[in-house]
Amino acid sequence: MATVGSQYGASIWDVASGRLLLNFRNTNDNKRHPDPAVSIDAIQLVSGVGFSPSGASFAICDMLGIKLIETQTGLVLRVIDAPFRYHSGKSQFVFSADGQLITLLGTYPEQGESPTISTWSTSSGERLLMLPIEAEAAAYSADGKWFAAGEPRAQEALAVWQNLAHHLR
């Protein structure tokens, strides 16, 4: 299990024993947000965390982007530069079943702009797709042929894309 909160990192726990396995401290040394109004403290805060399907790595999100981290050691495997200004407070990750894609939900480029969900390649860090949709939950099908995102408004409760992962590769 992974936890974040009003902390500058993420903690990985063994659920059976309650033992802390890894305490990852998020640092963005010598980095600044494109918006000068965003403080150094704000870019350290982790707003979301999610495990890869294998559990071998996890991802965290801060206002500068995404970090993919090895679960056992805390080694940063990849940094994806993807600054955003606002989030819904429910930022979360969805990995494709094969772990090759990661989608971040609940971010807003600027105040007043539409929320987006974005998908990146975990191997290259390249942003492959950005969809202008406010999603609170999402999932890839096990075979990677479908992607669904749940919206908070009842009249637009679910958006589904066929072959999304296929078109991204």
C-alpha atoms as a PDB file:
ATOM      1  CA  MET A   1       0.000   0.000   0.000  1.00  0.00           C
ATOM      2  CA  ALA A   2       1.182   3.535  -0.749  1.00  0.00           C
ATOM      3  CA  THR A   3       0.234   6.664   1.157  1.00  0.00           C
ATOM      4  CA  VAL A   4       0.668  10.355   0.478  1.00  0.00           C
ATOM      5  CA  GLY A   5      -0.842  13.372   2.088  1.00  0.00           C
ATOM      6  CA  SER A   6       0.435  16.675   3.312  1.00  0.00           C
ATOM      7  CA  GLN A   7       3.936  15.333   2.999  1.00  0.00           C
ATOM      8  CA  TYR A   8       6.829  15.697   0.617  1.00  0.00           C
ATOM      9  CA  GLY A   9       6.896  12.123  -0.579  1.00  0.00           C
ATOM     10  CA  ALA A  10       5.242   8.742  -0.474  1.00  0.00           C
ATOM     11  CA  SER A  11       5.377   5.857   1.953  1.00  0.00           C
ATOM     12  CA  ILE A  12       5.141   2.204   0.945  1.00  0.00           C
ATOM     13  CA  TRP A  13       3.703  -0.161   3.546  1.00  0.00           C
ATOM     14  CA  ASP A  14       3.401  -3.914   4.017  1.00  0.00           C
ATOM     15  CA  VAL A  15      -0.324  -4.340   4.635  1.00  0.00           C
ATOM     16  CA  ALA A  16      -0.032  -7.665   6.482  1.00  0.00           C
ATOM     17  CA  SER A  17       2.506  -6.468   9.057  1.00  0.00           C
ATOM     18  CA  GLY A  18       1.898  -2.716   8.991  1.00  0.00           C
ATOM     19  CA  ARG A  19       5.641  -2.254   8.525  1.00  0.00           C
ATOM     20  CA  LEU A  20       7.022   0.727   6.592  1.00  0.00           C
ATOM     21  CA  LEU A  21       8.947  -0.639   3.601  1.00  0.00           C
ATOM     22  CA  LEU A  22      10.034   2.582   1.905  1.00  0.00           C
ATOM     23  CA  ASN A  23       9.812   6.245   2.750  1.00  0.00           C
ATOM     24  CA  PHE A  24      10.438   8.116  -0.507  1.00  0.00           C
ATOM     25  CA  ARG A  25      11.263  11.805  -0.113  1.00  0.00           C
ATOM     26  CA  ASN A  26      10.260  13.886  -3.140  1.00  0.00           C
ATOM     27  CA  THR A  27      12.866  16.451  -4.100  1.00  0.00           C
ATOM     28  CA  ASN A  28      12.985  18.805  -7.034  1.00  0.00           C
ATOM     29  CA  ASP A  29      16.396  20.309  -6.415  1.00  0.00           C
ATOM     30  CA  ASN A  30      17.254  23.260  -8.652  1.00  0.00           C
ATOM     31  CA  LYS A  31      13.898  23.076 -10.443  1.00  0.00           C
ATOM     32  CA  ARG A  32      11.241  25.740 -10.695  1.00  0.00           C
ATOM     33  CA  HIS A  33       7.654  25.704 -11.895  1.00  0.00           C
ATOM     34  CA  PRO A  34       6.985  27.707 -15.095  1.00  0.00           C
ATOM     35  CA  ASP A  35       4.640  29.911 -13.059  1.00  0.00           C
ATOM     36  CA  PRO A  36       6.825  32.017 -10.731  1.00  0.00           C
ATOM     37  CA  ALA A  37       3.926  32.270  -8.249  1.00  0.00           C
ATOM     38  CA  VAL A  38       4.321  28.559  -7.414  1.00  0.00           C
ATOM     39  CA  SER A  39       6.550  28.180  -4.348  1.00  0.00           C
ATOM     40  CA  ILE A  40       9.415  25.745  -3.866  1.00  0.00           C
ATOM     41  CA  ASP A  41       7.407  24.039  -1.102  1.00  0.00           C
ATOM     42  CA  ALA A  42       4.407  23.571  -3.404  1.00  0.00           C
ATOM     43  CA  ILE A  43       6.426  21.699  -6.049  1.00  0.00           C
ATOM     44  CA  GLN A  44       7.630  19.181  -3.451  1.00  0.00           C
ATOM     45  CA  LEU A  45       4.122  18.108  -2.378  1.00  0.00           C
ATOM     46  CA  VAL A  46       2.939  14.787  -3.779  1.00  0.00           C
ATOM     47  CA  SER A  47      -0.657  14.872  -4.993  1.00  0.00           C
ATOM     48  CA  GLY A  48      -1.018  11.313  -6.289  1.00  0.00           C
ATOM     49  CA  VAL A  49       0.524   7.868  -6.222  1.00  0.00           C
ATOM     50  CA  GLY A  50      -0.091   4.609  -8.071  1.00  0.00           C
ATOM     51  CA  PHE A  51       1.550   1.210  -8.500  1.00  0.00           C
ATOM     52  CA  SER A  52       2.498  -0.344 -11.829  1.00  0.00           C
ATOM     53  CA  PRO A  53       0.630  -3.603 -12.592  1.00  0.00           C
ATOM     54  CA  SER A  54       3.642  -5.704 -11.530  1.00  0.00           C
ATOM     55  CA  GLY A  55       4.168  -3.688  -8.347  1.00  0.00           C
ATOM     56  CA  ALA A  56       7.862  -3.386  -9.216  1.00  0.00           C
ATOM     57  CA  SER A  57       7.517   0.371  -9.566  1.00  0.00           C
ATOM     58  CA  PHE A  58       5.189   3.144  -8.535  1.00  0.00           C
ATOM     59  CA  ALA A  59       4.539   6.653  -9.762  1.00  0.00           C
ATOM     60  CA  ILE A  60       4.139   9.889  -7.876  1.00  0.00           C
ATOM     61  CA  CYS A  61       2.841  13.196  -9.141  1.00  0.00           C
ATOM     62  CA  ASP A  62       3.804  16.697  -8.102  1.00  0.00           C
ATOM     63  CA  MET A  63       3.239  20.068  -9.791  1.00  0.00           C
ATOM     64  CA  LEU A  64       6.278  19.501 -12.032  1.00  0.00           C
ATOM     65  CA  GLY A  65       5.191  16.117 -13.370  1.00  0.00           C
ATOM     66  CA  ILE A  66       5.587  12.418 -12.729  1.00  0.00           C
ATOM     67  CA  LYS A  67       8.347  10.292 -11.253  1.00  0.00           C
ATOM     68  CA  LEU A  68       8.490   6.523 -11.806  1.00  0.00           C
ATOM     69  CA  ILE A  69      10.212   4.894  -8.842  1.00  0.00           C
ATOM     70  CA  GLU A  70      11.494   1.379  -8.140  1.00  0.00           C
ATOM     71  CA  THR A  71       9.425   0.018  -5.250  1.00  0.00           C
ATOM     72  CA  GLN A  72      12.180  -1.989  -3.552  1.00  0.00           C
ATOM     73  CA  THR A  73      14.941   0.626  -3.558  1.00  0.00           C
ATOM     74  CA  GLY A  74      13.336   4.056  -4.112  1.00  0.00           C
ATOM     75  CA  LEU A  75      15.541   4.589  -7.173  1.00  0.00           C
ATOM     76  CA  VAL A  76      13.982   7.127  -9.573  1.00  0.00           C
ATOM     77  CA  LEU A  77      13.655   5.298 -12.891  1.00  0.00           C
ATOM     78  CA  ARG A  78      12.215   8.137 -14.973  1.00  0.00           C
ATOM     79  CA  VAL A  79      11.175  11.753 -14.541  1.00  0.00           C
ATOM     80  CA  ILE A  80       8.407  12.957 -16.836  1.00  0.00           C
ATOM     81  CA  ASP A  81       8.293  16.733 -17.106  1.00  0.00           C
ATOM     82  CA  ALA A  82       4.607  17.602 -17.133  1.00  0.00           C
ATOM     83  CA  PRO A  83       4.003  20.754 -15.116  1.00  0.00           C
ATOM     84  CA  PHE A  84       0.443  21.671 -14.251  1.00  0.00           C
ATOM     85  CA  ARG A  85      -0.940  24.520 -12.224  1.00  0.00           C
ATOM     86  CA  TYR A  86      -4.007  23.069 -10.512  1.00  0.00           C
ATOM     87  CA  HIS A  87      -5.411  19.662  -9.659  1.00  0.00           C
ATOM     88  CA  SER A  88      -8.777  18.422  -8.538  1.00  0.00           C
ATOM     89  CA  GLY A  89      -7.413  17.100  -5.262  1.00  0.00           C
ATOM     90  CA  LYS A  90      -7.961  13.600  -6.635  1.00  0.00           C
ATOM     91  CA  SER A  91      -4.905  13.244  -8.862  1.00  0.00           C
ATOM     92  CA  GLN A  92      -4.383   9.599  -9.599  1.00  0.00           C
ATOM     93  CA  PHE A  93      -2.610   7.297 -12.005  1.00  0.00           C
ATOM     94  CA  VAL A  94      -3.825   4.482 -14.182  1.00  0.00           C
ATOM     95  CA  PHE A  95      -1.305   2.113 -15.735  1.00  0.00           C
ATOM     96  CA  SER A  96      -2.082  -0.011 -18.769  1.00  0.00           C
ATOM     97  CA  ALA A  97      -2.047  -3.749 -17.994  1.00  0.00           C
ATOM     98  CA  ASP A  98       1.376  -4.158 -19.611  1.00  0.00           C
ATOM     99  CA  GLY A  99       2.759  -1.153 -17.701  1.00  0.00           C
ATOM    100  CA  GLN A 100       3.828   0.618 -20.911  1.00  0.00           C
ATOM    101  CA  LEU A 101       1.366   3.511 -20.537  1.00  0.00           C
ATOM    102  CA  ILE A 102       0.528   5.739 -17.612  1.00  0.00           C
ATOM    103  CA  THR A 103      -2.409   8.123 -17.511  1.00  0.00           C
ATOM    104  CA  LEU A 104      -2.742  10.981 -15.033  1.00  0.00           C
ATOM    105  CA  LEU A 105      -6.222  12.191 -14.098  1.00  0.00           C
ATOM    106  CA  GLY A 106      -7.405  15.397 -12.474  1.00  0.00           C
ATOM    107  CA  THR A 107      -5.029  18.143 -13.603  1.00  0.00           C
ATOM    108  CA  TYR A 108      -5.707  21.625 -14.959  1.00  0.00           C
ATOM    109  CA  PRO A 109      -3.111  23.460 -17.062  1.00  0.00           C
ATOM    110  CA  GLU A 110      -4.215  26.910 -15.820  1.00  0.00           C
ATOM    111  CA  GLN A 111      -6.995  28.310 -13.656  1.00  0.00           C
ATOM    112  CA  GLY A 112     -10.217  28.482 -15.637  1.00  0.00           C
ATOM    113  CA  GLU A 113      -9.013  26.032 -18.300  1.00  0.00           C
ATOM    114  CA  SER A 114     -10.661  22.680 -18.855  1.00  0.00           C
ATOM    115  CA  PRO A 115      -9.350  19.719 -16.877  1.00  0.00           C
ATOM    116  CA  THR A 116      -7.367  17.116 -18.767  1.00  0.00           C
ATOM    117  CA  ILE A 117      -6.156  13.555 -18.612  1.00  0.00           C
ATOM    118  CA  SER A 118      -2.816  12.802 -20.218  1.00  0.00           C
ATOM    119  CA  THR A 119      -1.119   9.575 -21.232  1.00  0.00           C
ATOM    120  CA  TRP A 120       2.648   9.005 -21.418  1.00  0.00           C
ATOM    121  CA  SER A 121       4.927   6.170 -22.429  1.00  0.00           C
ATOM    122  CA  THR A 122       6.623   4.773 -19.312  1.00  0.00           C
ATOM    123  CA  SER A 123       9.679   3.761 -21.357  1.00  0.00           C
ATOM    124  CA  SER A 124      10.310   7.061 -23.194  1.00  0.00           C
ATOM    125  CA  GLY A 125       8.492   9.593 -21.010  1.00  0.00           C
ATOM    126  CA  GLU A 126       6.833  11.007 -24.137  1.00  0.00           C
ATOM    127  CA  ARG A 127       3.321  12.437 -23.786  1.00  0.00           C
ATOM    128  CA  LEU A 128       1.247  10.476 -26.255  1.00  0.00           C
ATOM    129  CA  LEU A 129      -2.189  11.935 -25.713  1.00  0.00           C
ATOM    130  CA  MET A 130      -4.037  14.666 -23.851  1.00  0.00           C
ATOM    131  CA  LEU A 131      -7.823  14.487 -23.583  1.00  0.00           C
ATOM    132  CA  PRO A 132      -9.935  17.463 -22.451  1.00  0.00           C
ATOM    133  CA  ILE A 133     -12.027  15.562 -19.967  1.00  0.00           C
ATOM    134  CA  GLU A 134     -12.594  15.759 -16.231  1.00  0.00           C
ATOM    135  CA  ALA A 135     -12.212  12.239 -14.930  1.00  0.00           C
ATOM    136  CA  GLU A 136     -12.347  10.944 -11.376  1.00  0.00           C
ATOM    137  CA  ALA A 137     -11.631   7.327 -12.274  1.00  0.00           C
ATOM    138  CA  ALA A 138     -10.288   5.463 -15.281  1.00  0.00           C
ATOM    139  CA  ALA A 139      -9.148   2.019 -16.382  1.00  0.00           C
ATOM    140  CA  TYR A 140      -7.541   0.195 -19.274  1.00  0.00           C
ATOM    141  CA  SER A 141      -8.987  -3.149 -20.295  1.00  0.00           C
ATOM    142  CA  ALA A 142      -6.729  -6.134 -19.601  1.00  0.00           C
ATOM    143  CA  ASP A 143      -6.014  -6.560 -23.323  1.00  0.00           C
ATOM    144  CA  GLY A 144      -5.278  -2.829 -23.780  1.00  0.00           C
ATOM    145  CA  LYS A 145      -7.972  -2.384 -26.414  1.00  0.00           C
ATOM    146  CA  TRP A 146     -10.262  -0.170 -24.363  1.00  0.00           C
ATOM    147  CA  PHE A 147      -9.860   2.833 -22.107  1.00  0.00           C
ATOM    148  CA  ALA A 148     -12.685   4.233 -19.983  1.00  0.00           C
ATOM    149  CA  ALA A 149     -12.852   7.398 -17.904  1.00  0.00           C
ATOM    150  CA  GLY A 150     -15.575   8.234 -15.397  1.00  0.00           C
ATOM    151  CA  GLU A 151     -16.732  11.823 -15.129  1.00  0.00           C
ATOM    152  CA  PRO A 152     -18.279  13.524 -12.088  1.00  0.00           C
ATOM    153  CA  ARG A 153     -21.340  14.811 -13.962  1.00  0.00           C
ATOM    154  CA  ALA A 154     -24.219  12.325 -14.208  1.00  0.00           C
ATOM    155  CA  GLN A 155     -25.159  13.368 -17.755  1.00  0.00           C
ATOM    156  CA  GLU A 156     -21.615  12.522 -18.919  1.00  0.00           C
ATOM    157  CA  ALA A 157     -20.905   9.666 -16.552  1.00  0.00           C
ATOM    158  CA  LEU A 158     -18.579   7.556 -18.722  1.00  0.00           C
ATOM    159  CA  ALA A 159     -16.403   8.083 -21.786  1.00  0.00           C
ATOM    160  CA  VAL A 160     -14.969   5.043 -23.564  1.00  0.00           C
ATOM    161  CA  TRP A 161     -12.319   4.853 -26.286  1.00  0.00           C
ATOM    162  CA  GLN A 162     -11.676   1.729 -28.345  1.00  0.00           C
ATOM    163  CA  ASN A 163      -8.104   0.804 -29.298  1.00  0.00           C
ATOM    164  CA  LEU A 164      -6.683   3.850 -27.491  1.00  0.00           C
ATOM    165  CA  ALA A 165      -3.472   2.070 -26.480  1.00  0.00           C
ATOM    166  CA  HIS A 166      -3.047   0.635 -29.982  1.00  0.00           C
ATOM    167  CA  HIS A 167      -3.249   4.099 -31.573  1.00  0.00           C
ATOM    168  CA  LEU A 168      -0.664   5.483 -29.166  1.00  0.00           C
ATOM    169  CA  ARG A 169       2.065   2.999 -30.061  1.00  0.00           C
END
